Amino acid sequence: MKENAIKLDNWSVISNQFRLNPYTTPELIGVCLQGLAENHPRLGDAFVCTSEITEVEGRYVKTRSGTIYKLGNIEPKYRRLLKQIRPDWDYKKPIKILTQNMV
C-alpha cells in the first residue's frame, strides 16, 4: 500500500455527509480525510477532501477512489479533540475503521 502514497499534512477526519443528498441513509455515511496534500498527481500541493476511507494500514490510508495517503502531521485542533475523547489514541495507528460483514 505504501508505493505512490501522497503525503497528507495538517489532516483531520471528517464525514462525507456534506457530499451526499439529504435522503442518504445513515449506514451509507462514511468518513473521509481533509488536509494539505503534497505533490498530488492531479492537484500539486493543495488542500483536499478525499473520498471515503476504505482501508487503513498504520499511517497509510486508501480511499474509495484508490488514492493512497501517508498521514503526516495531524491538524492541531483535531489532535486536541482526540486527546479529550480518545485518550488511548495511537500515533502509529491513528485511524480505525469498522467493517461490516453482510450475511
PDB file of N, CA and C in Angstrom:
ATOM      1  N   MET A   1       0.829  -1.197   0.000  1.00  0.00           N
ATOM      2  CA  MET A   1       0.000   0.000   0.000  1.00  0.00           C
ATOM      3  C   MET A   1       0.875   1.262   0.000  1.00  0.00           C
ATOM      4  N   LYS A   2       2.139   1.166   0.304  1.00  0.00           N
ATOM      5  CA  LYS A   2       2.961   2.342   0.544  1.00  0.00           C
ATOM      6  C   LYS A   2       3.496   3.027  -0.711  1.00  0.00           C
ATOM      7  N   GLU A   3       3.609   2.304  -1.800  1.00  0.00           N
ATOM      8  CA  GLU A   3       4.144   2.925  -3.010  1.00  0.00           C
ATOM      9  C   GLU A   3       3.144   3.923  -3.594  1.00  0.00           C
ATOM     10  N   ASN A   4       3.679   5.024  -4.093  1.00  0.00           N
ATOM     11  CA  ASN A   4       2.883   6.108  -4.690  1.00  0.00           C
ATOM     12  C   ASN A   4       1.947   6.809  -3.709  1.00  0.00           C
ATOM     13  N   ALA A   5       2.246   6.726  -2.422  1.00  0.00           N
ATOM     14  CA  ALA A   5       1.400   7.395  -1.429  1.00  0.00           C
ATOM     15  C   ALA A   5       1.629   8.905  -1.484  1.00  0.00           C
ATOM     16  N   ILE A   6       0.557   9.640  -1.303  1.00  0.00           N
ATOM     17  CA  ILE A   6       0.598  11.104  -1.274  1.00  0.00           C
ATOM     18  C   ILE A   6       0.632  11.525   0.188  1.00  0.00           C
ATOM     19  N   LYS A   7       1.604  12.338   0.553  1.00  0.00           N
ATOM     20  CA  LYS A   7       1.692  12.795   1.937  1.00  0.00           C
ATOM     21  C   LYS A   7       0.568  13.784   2.224  1.00  0.00           C
ATOM     22  N   LEU A   8      -0.084  13.605   3.363  1.00  0.00           N
ATOM     23  CA  LEU A   8      -1.182  14.472   3.768  1.00  0.00           C
ATOM     24  C   LEU A   8      -0.847  15.065   5.132  1.00  0.00           C
ATOM     25  N   ASP A   9      -0.619  16.377   5.158  1.00  0.00           N
ATOM     26  CA  ASP A   9      -0.301  17.077   6.402  1.00  0.00           C
ATOM     27  C   ASP A   9      -1.501  17.886   6.872  1.00  0.00           C
ATOM     28  N   ASN A  10      -1.436  18.259   8.141  1.00  0.00           N
ATOM     29  CA  ASN A  10      -2.485  19.073   8.749  1.00  0.00           C
ATOM     30  C   ASN A  10      -3.858  18.419   8.527  1.00  0.00           C
ATOM     31  N   TRP A  11      -3.884  17.095   8.694  1.00  0.00           N
ATOM     32  CA  TRP A  11      -5.065  16.310   8.351  1.00  0.00           C
ATOM     33  C   TRP A  11      -6.024  16.167   9.529  1.00  0.00           C
ATOM     34  N   SER A  12      -7.261  15.866   9.170  1.00  0.00           N
ATOM     35  CA  SER A  12      -8.292  15.505  10.143  1.00  0.00           C
ATOM     36  C   SER A  12      -9.290  14.594   9.451  1.00  0.00           C
ATOM     37  N   VAL A  13     -10.074  13.909  10.243  1.00  0.00           N
ATOM     38  CA  VAL A  13     -11.105  13.011   9.721  1.00  0.00           C
ATOM     39  C   VAL A  13     -12.427  13.773   9.739  1.00  0.00           C
ATOM     40  N   ILE A  14     -13.170  13.656   8.643  1.00  0.00           N
ATOM     41  CA  ILE A  14     -14.458  14.327   8.526  1.00  0.00           C
ATOM     42  C   ILE A  14     -15.491  13.354   7.966  1.00  0.00           C
ATOM     43  N   SER A  15     -16.747  13.708   8.069  1.00  0.00           N
ATOM     44  CA  SER A  15     -17.829  12.912   7.494  1.00  0.00           C
ATOM     45  C   SER A  15     -17.964  13.262   6.018  1.00  0.00           C
ATOM     46  N   ASN A  16     -18.391  12.295   5.222  1.00  0.00           N
ATOM     47  CA  ASN A  16     -18.667  12.581   3.813  1.00  0.00           C
ATOM     48  C   ASN A  16     -20.096  13.084   3.623  1.00  0.00           C
ATOM     49  N   GLN A  17     -20.798  13.323   4.703  1.00  0.00           N
ATOM     50  CA  GLN A  17     -22.210  13.695   4.639  1.00  0.00           C
ATOM     51  C   GLN A  17     -22.440  14.974   3.836  1.00  0.00           C
ATOM     52  N   PHE A  18     -21.451  15.881   3.835  1.00  0.00           N
ATOM     53  CA  PHE A  18     -21.622  17.130   3.099  1.00  0.00           C
ATOM     54  C   PHE A  18     -21.709  16.908   1.592  1.00  0.00           C
ATOM     55  N   ARG A  19     -21.258  15.757   1.115  1.00  0.00           N
ATOM     56  CA  ARG A  19     -21.316  15.453  -0.320  1.00  0.00           C
ATOM     57  C   ARG A  19     -22.583  14.716  -0.725  1.00  0.00           C
ATOM     58  N   LEU A  20     -23.318  14.231   0.249  1.00  0.00           N
ATOM     59  CA  LEU A  20     -24.458  13.365  -0.037  1.00  0.00           C
ATOM     60  C   LEU A  20     -25.754  14.161  -0.044  1.00  0.00           C
ATOM     61  N   ASN A  21     -26.771  13.549  -0.607  1.00  0.00           N
ATOM     62  CA  ASN A  21     -28.077  14.229  -0.588  1.00  0.00           C
ATOM     63  C   ASN A  21     -28.735  14.022   0.777  1.00  0.00           C
ATOM     64  N   PRO A  22     -29.695  14.822   1.119  1.00  0.00           N
ATOM     65  CA  PRO A  22     -30.289  14.746   2.459  1.00  0.00           C
ATOM     66  C   PRO A  22     -31.057  13.459   2.740  1.00  0.00           C
ATOM     67  N   TYR A  23     -31.286  12.633   1.733  1.00  0.00           N
ATOM     68  CA  TYR A  23     -32.039  11.394   1.918  1.00  0.00           C
ATOM     69  C   TYR A  23     -31.143  10.166   2.060  1.00  0.00           C
ATOM     70  N   THR A  24     -29.840  10.383   2.135  1.00  0.00           N
ATOM     71  CA  THR A  24     -28.904   9.274   2.281  1.00  0.00           C
ATOM     72  C   THR A  24     -29.106   8.611   3.645  1.00  0.00           C
ATOM     73  N   THR A  25     -29.184   7.298   3.647  1.00  0.00           N
ATOM     74  CA  THR A  25     -29.373   6.578   4.902  1.00  0.00           C
ATOM     75  C   THR A  25     -28.092   6.612   5.737  1.00  0.00           C
ATOM     76  N   PRO A  26     -28.211   6.564   7.053  1.00  0.00           N
ATOM     77  CA  PRO A  26     -27.033   6.685   7.922  1.00  0.00           C
ATOM     78  C   PRO A  26     -25.947   5.651   7.649  1.00  0.00           C
ATOM     79  N   GLU A  27     -26.330   4.437   7.265  1.00  0.00           N
ATOM     80  CA  GLU A  27     -25.308   3.404   7.042  1.00  0.00           C
ATOM     81  C   GLU A  27     -24.437   3.680   5.814  1.00  0.00           C
ATOM     82  N   LEU A  28     -24.863   4.596   4.963  1.00  0.00           N
ATOM     83  CA  LEU A  28     -24.065   4.947   3.795  1.00  0.00           C
ATOM     84  C   LEU A  28     -23.147   6.155   4.024  1.00  0.00           C
ATOM     85  N   ILE A  29     -23.255   6.740   5.197  1.00  0.00           N
ATOM     86  CA  ILE A  29     -22.391   7.878   5.515  1.00  0.00           C
ATOM     87  C   ILE A  29     -21.048   7.334   5.975  1.00  0.00           C
ATOM     88  N   GLY A  30     -19.985   7.767   5.336  1.00  0.00           N
ATOM     89  CA  GLY A  30     -18.647   7.292   5.654  1.00  0.00           C
ATOM     90  C   GLY A  30     -17.771   8.414   6.170  1.00  0.00           C
ATOM     91  N   VAL A  31     -16.496   8.108   6.337  1.00  0.00           N
ATOM     92  CA  VAL A  31     -15.543   9.117   6.782  1.00  0.00           C
ATOM     93  C   VAL A  31     -14.472   9.328   5.725  1.00  0.00           C
ATOM     94  N   CYS A  32     -14.021  10.562   5.655  1.00  0.00           N
ATOM     95  CA  CYS A  32     -13.016  10.997   4.688  1.00  0.00           C
ATOM     96  C   CYS A  32     -11.898  11.699   5.441  1.00  0.00           C
ATOM     97  N   LEU A  33     -10.889  12.087   4.702  1.00  0.00           N
ATOM     98  CA  LEU A  33      -9.805  12.896   5.249  1.00  0.00           C
ATOM     99  C   LEU A  33      -9.835  14.262   4.593  1.00  0.00           C
ATOM    100  N   GLN A  34      -9.332  15.241   5.300  1.00  0.00           N
ATOM    101  CA  GLN A  34      -9.067  16.527   4.681  1.00  0.00           C
ATOM    102  C   GLN A  34      -7.693  16.975   5.168  1.00  0.00           C
ATOM    103  N   GLY A  35      -6.990  17.698   4.320  1.00  0.00           N
ATOM    104  CA  GLY A  35      -5.678  18.180   4.714  1.00  0.00           C
ATOM    105  C   GLY A  35      -4.911  18.690   3.505  1.00  0.00           C
ATOM    106  N   LEU A  36      -3.643  18.986   3.732  1.00  0.00           N
ATOM    107  CA  LEU A  36      -2.783  19.520   2.678  1.00  0.00           C
ATOM    108  C   LEU A  36      -2.016  18.386   2.010  1.00  0.00           C
ATOM    109  N   ALA A  37      -2.371  18.106   0.764  1.00  0.00           N
ATOM    110  CA  ALA A  37      -1.697  17.053   0.000  1.00  0.00           C
ATOM    111  C   ALA A  37      -0.429  17.630  -0.607  1.00  0.00           C
ATOM    112  N   GLU A  38       0.625  16.838  -0.562  1.00  0.00           N
ATOM    113  CA  GLU A  38       1.907  17.256  -1.112  1.00  0.00           C
ATOM    114  C   GLU A  38       2.178  16.480  -2.402  1.00  0.00           C
ATOM    115  N   ASN A  39       2.399  17.203  -3.478  1.00  0.00           N
ATOM    116  CA  ASN A  39       2.699  16.603  -4.789  1.00  0.00           C
ATOM    117  C   ASN A  39       1.599  15.657  -5.272  1.00  0.00           C
ATOM    118  N   HIS A  40       0.358  16.049  -5.113  1.00  0.00           N
ATOM    119  CA  HIS A  40      -0.758  15.258  -5.622  1.00  0.00           C
ATOM    120  C   HIS A  40      -0.614  15.198  -7.145  1.00  0.00           C
ATOM    121  N   PRO A  41      -0.785  14.028  -7.774  1.00  0.00           N
ATOM    122  CA  PRO A  41      -0.554  13.911  -9.220  1.00  0.00           C
ATOM    123  C   PRO A  41      -1.437  14.811 -10.087  1.00  0.00           C
ATOM    124  N   ARG A  42      -2.648  15.113  -9.637  1.00  0.00           N
ATOM    125  CA  ARG A  42      -3.529  15.985 -10.426  1.00  0.00           C
ATOM    126  C   ARG A  42      -3.576  17.420  -9.910  1.00  0.00           C
ATOM    127  N   LEU A  43      -3.359  17.593  -8.597  1.00  0.00           N
ATOM    128  CA  LEU A  43      -3.587  18.896  -7.985  1.00  0.00           C
ATOM    129  C   LEU A  43      -2.327  19.615  -7.519  1.00  0.00           C
ATOM    130  N   GLY A  44      -1.203  18.928  -7.529  1.00  0.00           N
ATOM    131  CA  GLY A  44       0.017  19.527  -6.992  1.00  0.00           C
ATOM    132  C   GLY A  44      -0.087  19.610  -5.476  1.00  0.00           C
ATOM    133  N   ASP A  45       0.403  20.708  -4.896  1.00  0.00           N
ATOM    134  CA  ASP A  45       0.258  20.937  -3.463  1.00  0.00           C
ATOM    135  C   ASP A  45      -1.078  21.648  -3.257  1.00  0.00           C
ATOM    136  N   ALA A  46      -2.009  20.995  -2.587  1.00  0.00           N
ATOM    137  CA  ALA A  46      -3.359  21.563  -2.478  1.00  0.00           C
ATOM    138  C   ALA A  46      -4.079  21.019  -1.255  1.00  0.00           C
ATOM    139  N   PHE A  47      -5.049  21.784  -0.781  1.00  0.00           N
ATOM    140  CA  PHE A  47      -5.945  21.310   0.258  1.00  0.00           C
ATOM    141  C   PHE A  47      -6.943  20.365  -0.401  1.00  0.00           C
ATOM    142  N   VAL A  48      -7.131  19.183   0.177  1.00  0.00           N
ATOM    143  CA  VAL A  48      -8.035  18.196  -0.418  1.00  0.00           C
ATOM    144  C   VAL A  48      -9.019  17.654   0.612  1.00  0.00           C
ATOM    145  N   CYS A  49     -10.158  17.236   0.125  1.00  0.00           N
ATOM    146  CA  CYS A  49     -11.112  16.412   0.867  1.00  0.00           C
ATOM    147  C   CYS A  49     -11.186  15.114   0.083  1.00  0.00           C
ATOM    148  N   THR A  50     -10.823  14.017   0.699  1.00  0.00           N
ATOM    149  CA  THR A  50     -10.720  12.746  -0.012  1.00  0.00           C
ATOM    150  C   THR A  50     -12.082  12.080  -0.170  1.00  0.00           C
ATOM    151  N   SER A  51     -12.097  11.017  -0.952  1.00  0.00           N
ATOM    152  CA  SER A  51     -13.270  10.152  -0.961  1.00  0.00           C
ATOM    153  C   SER A  51     -13.235   9.303   0.318  1.00  0.00           C
ATOM    154  N   GLU A  52     -14.210   8.445   0.515  1.00  0.00           N
ATOM    155  CA  GLU A  52     -14.343   7.684   1.750  1.00  0.00           C
ATOM    156  C   GLU A  52     -13.144   6.767   1.981  1.00  0.00           C
ATOM    157  N   ILE A  53     -12.779   6.631   3.237  1.00  0.00           N
ATOM    158  CA  ILE A  53     -11.693   5.729   3.634  1.00  0.00           C
ATOM    159  C   ILE A  53     -12.185   4.292   3.495  1.00  0.00           C
ATOM    160  N   THR A  54     -11.375   3.452   2.806  1.00  0.00           N
ATOM    161  CA  THR A  54     -11.751   2.047   2.645  1.00  0.00           C
ATOM    162  C   THR A  54     -10.788   1.091   3.333  1.00  0.00           C
ATOM    163  N   GLU A  55      -9.520   1.494   3.455  1.00  0.00           N
ATOM    164  CA  GLU A  55      -8.518   0.633   4.093  1.00  0.00           C
ATOM    165  C   GLU A  55      -7.552   1.493   4.880  1.00  0.00           C
ATOM    166  N   VAL A  56      -7.056   0.910   5.972  1.00  0.00           N
ATOM    167  CA  VAL A  56      -6.053   1.593   6.784  1.00  0.00           C
ATOM    168  C   VAL A  56      -4.979   0.582   7.157  1.00  0.00           C
ATOM    169  N   GLU A  57      -3.717   0.972   6.970  1.00  0.00           N
ATOM    170  CA  GLU A  57      -2.582   0.151   7.369  1.00  0.00           C
ATOM    171  C   GLU A  57      -1.582   1.075   8.049  1.00  0.00           C
ATOM    172  N   GLY A  58      -1.622   1.109   9.368  1.00  0.00           N
ATOM    173  CA  GLY A  58      -0.748   2.015  10.107  1.00  0.00           C
ATOM    174  C   GLY A  58      -1.094   3.464   9.794  1.00  0.00           C
ATOM    175  N   ARG A  59      -0.139   4.191   9.205  1.00  0.00           N
ATOM    176  CA  ARG A  59      -0.353   5.594   8.849  1.00  0.00           C
ATOM    177  C   ARG A  59      -0.648   5.763   7.357  1.00  0.00           C
ATOM    178  N   TYR A  60      -0.973   4.670   6.679  1.00  0.00           N
ATOM    179  CA  TYR A  60      -1.340   4.713   5.268  1.00  0.00           C
ATOM    180  C   TYR A  60      -2.838   4.454   5.134  1.00  0.00           C
ATOM    181  N   VAL A  61      -3.474   5.278   4.330  1.00  0.00           N
ATOM    182  CA  VAL A  61      -4.930   5.209   4.176  1.00  0.00           C
ATOM    183  C   VAL A  61      -5.262   5.136   2.690  1.00  0.00           C
ATOM    184  N   LYS A  62      -6.112   4.196   2.337  1.00  0.00           N
ATOM    185  CA  LYS A  62      -6.603   4.083   0.959  1.00  0.00           C
ATOM    186  C   LYS A  62      -8.046   4.566   0.929  1.00  0.00           C
ATOM    187  N   THR A  63      -8.383   5.320  -0.111  1.00  0.00           N
ATOM    188  CA  THR A  63      -9.741   5.848  -0.229  1.00  0.00           C
ATOM    189  C   THR A  63     -10.494   5.145  -1.351  1.00  0.00           C
ATOM    190  N   ARG A  64     -11.790   5.390  -1.420  1.00  0.00           N
ATOM    191  CA  ARG A  64     -12.642   4.736  -2.411  1.00  0.00           C
ATOM    192  C   ARG A  64     -12.142   4.973  -3.844  1.00  0.00           C
ATOM    193  N   SER A  65     -11.523   6.109  -4.089  1.00  0.00           N
ATOM    194  CA  SER A  65     -11.016   6.410  -5.432  1.00  0.00           C
ATOM    195  C   SER A  65      -9.757   5.608  -5.761  1.00  0.00           C
ATOM    196  N   GLY A  66      -9.176   4.944  -4.750  1.00  0.00           N
ATOM    197  CA  GLY A  66      -7.956   4.171  -4.950  1.00  0.00           C
ATOM    198  C   GLY A  66      -6.695   4.939  -4.590  1.00  0.00           C
ATOM    199  N   THR A  67      -6.836   6.202  -4.232  1.00  0.00           N
ATOM    200  CA  THR A  67      -5.683   7.014  -3.853  1.00  0.00           C
ATOM    201  C   THR A  67      -5.195   6.591  -2.476  1.00  0.00           C
ATOM    202  N   ILE A  68      -3.880   6.570  -2.312  1.00  0.00           N
ATOM    203  CA  ILE A  68      -3.272   6.198  -1.037  1.00  0.00           C
ATOM    204  C   ILE A  68      -2.587   7.425  -0.455  1.00  0.00           C
ATOM    205  N   TYR A  69      -2.851   7.672   0.810  1.00  0.00           N
ATOM    206  CA  TYR A  69      -2.278   8.815   1.511  1.00  0.00           C
ATOM    207  C   TYR A  69      -1.421   8.323   2.670  1.00  0.00           C
ATOM    208  N   LYS A  70      -0.290   8.989   2.877  1.00  0.00           N
ATOM    209  CA  LYS A  70       0.540   8.761   4.057  1.00  0.00           C
ATOM    210  C   LYS A  70       0.272   9.925   5.002  1.00  0.00           C
ATOM    211  N   LEU A  71      -0.184   9.616   6.204  1.00  0.00           N
ATOM    212  CA  LEU A  71      -0.540  10.658   7.152  1.00  0.00           C
ATOM    213  C   LEU A  71       0.713  11.296   7.743  1.00  0.00           C
ATOM    214  N   GLY A  72       0.807  12.612   7.592  1.00  0.00           N
ATOM    215  CA  GLY A  72       1.894  13.378   8.184  1.00  0.00           C
ATOM    216  C   GLY A  72       1.437  13.947   9.515  1.00  0.00           C
ATOM    217  N   ASN A  73       1.644  15.238   9.698  1.00  0.00           N
ATOM    218  CA  ASN A  73       1.249  15.903  10.941  1.00  0.00           C
ATOM    219  C   ASN A  73      -0.262  16.078  10.992  1.00  0.00           C
ATOM    220  N   ILE A  74      -0.811  15.852  12.177  1.00  0.00           N
ATOM    221  CA  ILE A  74      -2.238  15.999  12.385  1.00  0.00           C
ATOM    222  C   ILE A  74      -2.585  17.474  12.619  1.00  0.00           C
ATOM    223  N   GLU A  75      -3.775  17.864  12.260  1.00  0.00           N
ATOM    224  CA  GLU A  75      -4.233  19.238  12.478  1.00  0.00           C
ATOM    225  C   GLU A  75      -4.326  19.467  13.997  1.00  0.00           C
ATOM    226  N   PRO A  76      -3.702  20.526  14.522  1.00  0.00           N
ATOM    227  CA  PRO A  76      -3.608  20.715  15.977  1.00  0.00           C
ATOM    228  C   PRO A  76      -4.942  20.722  16.729  1.00  0.00           C
ATOM    229  N   LYS A  77      -5.958  21.390  16.211  1.00  0.00           N
ATOM    230  CA  LYS A  77      -7.257  21.419  16.907  1.00  0.00           C
ATOM    231  C   LYS A  77      -7.889  20.030  16.937  1.00  0.00           C
ATOM    232  N   TYR A  78      -7.728  19.288  15.844  1.00  0.00           N
ATOM    233  CA  TYR A  78      -8.266  17.933  15.790  1.00  0.00           C
ATOM    234  C   TYR A  78      -7.533  17.049  16.800  1.00  0.00           C
ATOM    235  N   ARG A  79      -6.230  17.230  16.935  1.00  0.00           N
ATOM    236  CA  ARG A  79      -5.440  16.450  17.893  1.00  0.00           C
ATOM    237  C   ARG A  79      -5.892  16.736  19.329  1.00  0.00           C
ATOM    238  N   ARG A  80      -6.156  18.005  19.636  1.00  0.00           N
ATOM    239  CA  ARG A  80      -6.643  18.350  20.973  1.00  0.00           C
ATOM    240  C   ARG A  80      -7.988  17.678  21.255  1.00  0.00           C
ATOM    241  N   LEU A  81      -8.851  17.660  20.241  1.00  0.00           N
ATOM    242  CA  LEU A  81     -10.141  16.983  20.382  1.00  0.00           C
ATOM    243  C   LEU A  81      -9.936  15.492  20.646  1.00  0.00           C
ATOM    244  N   LEU A  82      -9.038  14.863  19.893  1.00  0.00           N
ATOM    245  CA  LEU A  82      -8.779  13.435  20.094  1.00  0.00           C
ATOM    246  C   LEU A  82      -8.258  13.154  21.496  1.00  0.00           C
ATOM    247  N   LYS A  83      -7.414  14.025  22.020  1.00  0.00           N
ATOM    248  CA  LYS A  83      -6.901  13.825  23.384  1.00  0.00           C
ATOM    249  C   LYS A  83      -8.037  13.813  24.393  1.00  0.00           C
ATOM    250  N   GLN A  84      -9.068  14.604  24.136  1.00  0.00           N
ATOM    251  CA  GLN A  84     -10.208  14.664  25.048  1.00  0.00           C
ATOM    252  C   GLN A  84     -11.110  13.444  24.919  1.00  0.00           C
ATOM    253  N   ILE A  85     -11.418  13.051  23.690  1.00  0.00           N
ATOM    254  CA  ILE A  85     -12.416  11.993  23.500  1.00  0.00           C
ATOM    255  C   ILE A  85     -11.808  10.601  23.331  1.00  0.00           C
ATOM    256  N   ARG A  86     -10.517  10.529  22.987  1.00  0.00           N
ATOM    257  CA  ARG A  86      -9.850   9.235  22.815  1.00  0.00           C
ATOM    258  C   ARG A  86      -8.460   9.286  23.432  1.00  0.00           C
ATOM    259  N   PRO A  87      -8.373   9.241  24.761  1.00  0.00           N
ATOM    260  CA  PRO A  87      -7.062   9.349  25.412  1.00  0.00           C
ATOM    261  C   PRO A  87      -6.113   8.210  25.047  1.00  0.00           C
ATOM    262  N   ASP A  88      -6.640   7.094  24.537  1.00  0.00           N
ATOM    263  CA  ASP A  88      -5.799   5.957  24.140  1.00  0.00           C
ATOM    264  C   ASP A  88      -5.390   6.016  22.667  1.00  0.00           C
ATOM    265  N   TRP A  89      -5.600   7.168  22.018  1.00  0.00           N
ATOM    266  CA  TRP A  89      -5.283   7.351  20.609  1.00  0.00           C
ATOM    267  C   TRP A  89      -3.835   6.955  20.340  1.00  0.00           C
ATOM    268  N   ASP A  90      -3.601   6.201  19.276  1.00  0.00           N
ATOM    269  CA  ASP A  90      -2.277   5.677  18.939  1.00  0.00           C
ATOM    270  C   ASP A  90      -1.717   6.410  17.729  1.00  0.00           C
ATOM    271  N   TYR A  91      -0.630   7.120  17.901  1.00  0.00           N
ATOM    272  CA  TYR A  91       0.004   7.882  16.822  1.00  0.00           C
ATOM    273  C   TYR A  91       0.400   6.987  15.643  1.00  0.00           C
ATOM    274  N   LYS A  92       0.815   5.764  15.912  1.00  0.00           N
ATOM    275  CA  LYS A  92       1.252   4.855  14.840  1.00  0.00           C
ATOM    276  C   LYS A  92       0.079   4.266  14.062  1.00  0.00           C
ATOM    277  N   LYS A  93      -1.075   4.192  14.706  1.00  0.00           N
ATOM    278  CA  LYS A  93      -2.299   3.688  14.069  1.00  0.00           C
ATOM    279  C   LYS A  93      -3.415   4.675  14.368  1.00  0.00           C
ATOM    280  N   PRO A  94      -3.366   5.860  13.748  1.00  0.00           N
ATOM    281  CA  PRO A  94      -4.270   6.937  14.145  1.00  0.00           C
ATOM    282  C   PRO A  94      -5.720   6.786  13.723  1.00  0.00           C
ATOM    283  N   ILE A  95      -5.988   5.954  12.723  1.00  0.00           N
ATOM    284  CA  ILE A  95      -7.355   5.818  12.223  1.00  0.00           C
ATOM    285  C   ILE A  95      -7.771   4.361  12.284  1.00  0.00           C
ATOM    286  N   LYS A  96      -8.947   4.145  12.823  1.00  0.00           N
ATOM    287  CA  LYS A  96      -9.512   2.802  12.851  1.00  0.00           C
ATOM    288  C   LYS A  96     -10.840   2.855  12.123  1.00  0.00           C
ATOM    289  N   ILE A  97     -11.082   1.887  11.273  1.00  0.00           N
ATOM    290  CA  ILE A  97     -12.366   1.823  10.602  1.00  0.00           C
ATOM    291  C   ILE A  97     -13.062   0.518  10.967  1.00  0.00           C
ATOM    292  N   LEU A  98     -14.362   0.584  11.011  1.00  0.00           N
ATOM    293  CA  LEU A  98     -15.161  -0.597  11.278  1.00  0.00           C
ATOM    294  C   LEU A  98     -15.617  -1.190   9.964  1.00  0.00           C
ATOM    295  N   THR A  99     -15.616  -2.493   9.896  1.00  0.00           N
ATOM    296  CA  THR A  99     -16.138  -3.142   8.700  1.00  0.00           C
ATOM    297  C   THR A  99     -17.321  -3.997   9.114  1.00  0.00           C
ATOM    298  N   GLN A 100     -18.269  -4.092   8.208  1.00  0.00           N
ATOM    299  CA  GLN A 100     -19.447  -4.891   8.467  1.00  0.00           C
ATOM    300  C   GLN A 100     -19.459  -6.075   7.509  1.00  0.00           C
ATOM    301  N   ASN A 101     -19.737  -7.231   8.049  1.00  0.00           N
ATOM    302  CA  ASN A 101     -19.899  -8.411   7.220  1.00  0.00           C
ATOM    303  C   ASN A 101     -21.377  -8.564   6.905  1.00  0.00           C
ATOM    304  N   MET A 102     -21.686  -8.542   5.641  1.00  0.00           N
ATOM    305  CA  MET A 102     -23.074  -8.704   5.230  1.00  0.00           C
ATOM    306  C   MET A 102     -23.374 -10.188   5.116  1.00  0.00           C
ATOM    307  N   VAL A 103     -24.441 -10.617   5.726  1.00  0.00           N
ATOM    308  CA  VAL A 103     -24.796 -12.047   5.709  1.00  0.00           C
ATOM    309  C   VAL A 103     -25.938 -12.248   4.739  1.00  0.00           C
TER     310      VAL A 103
END
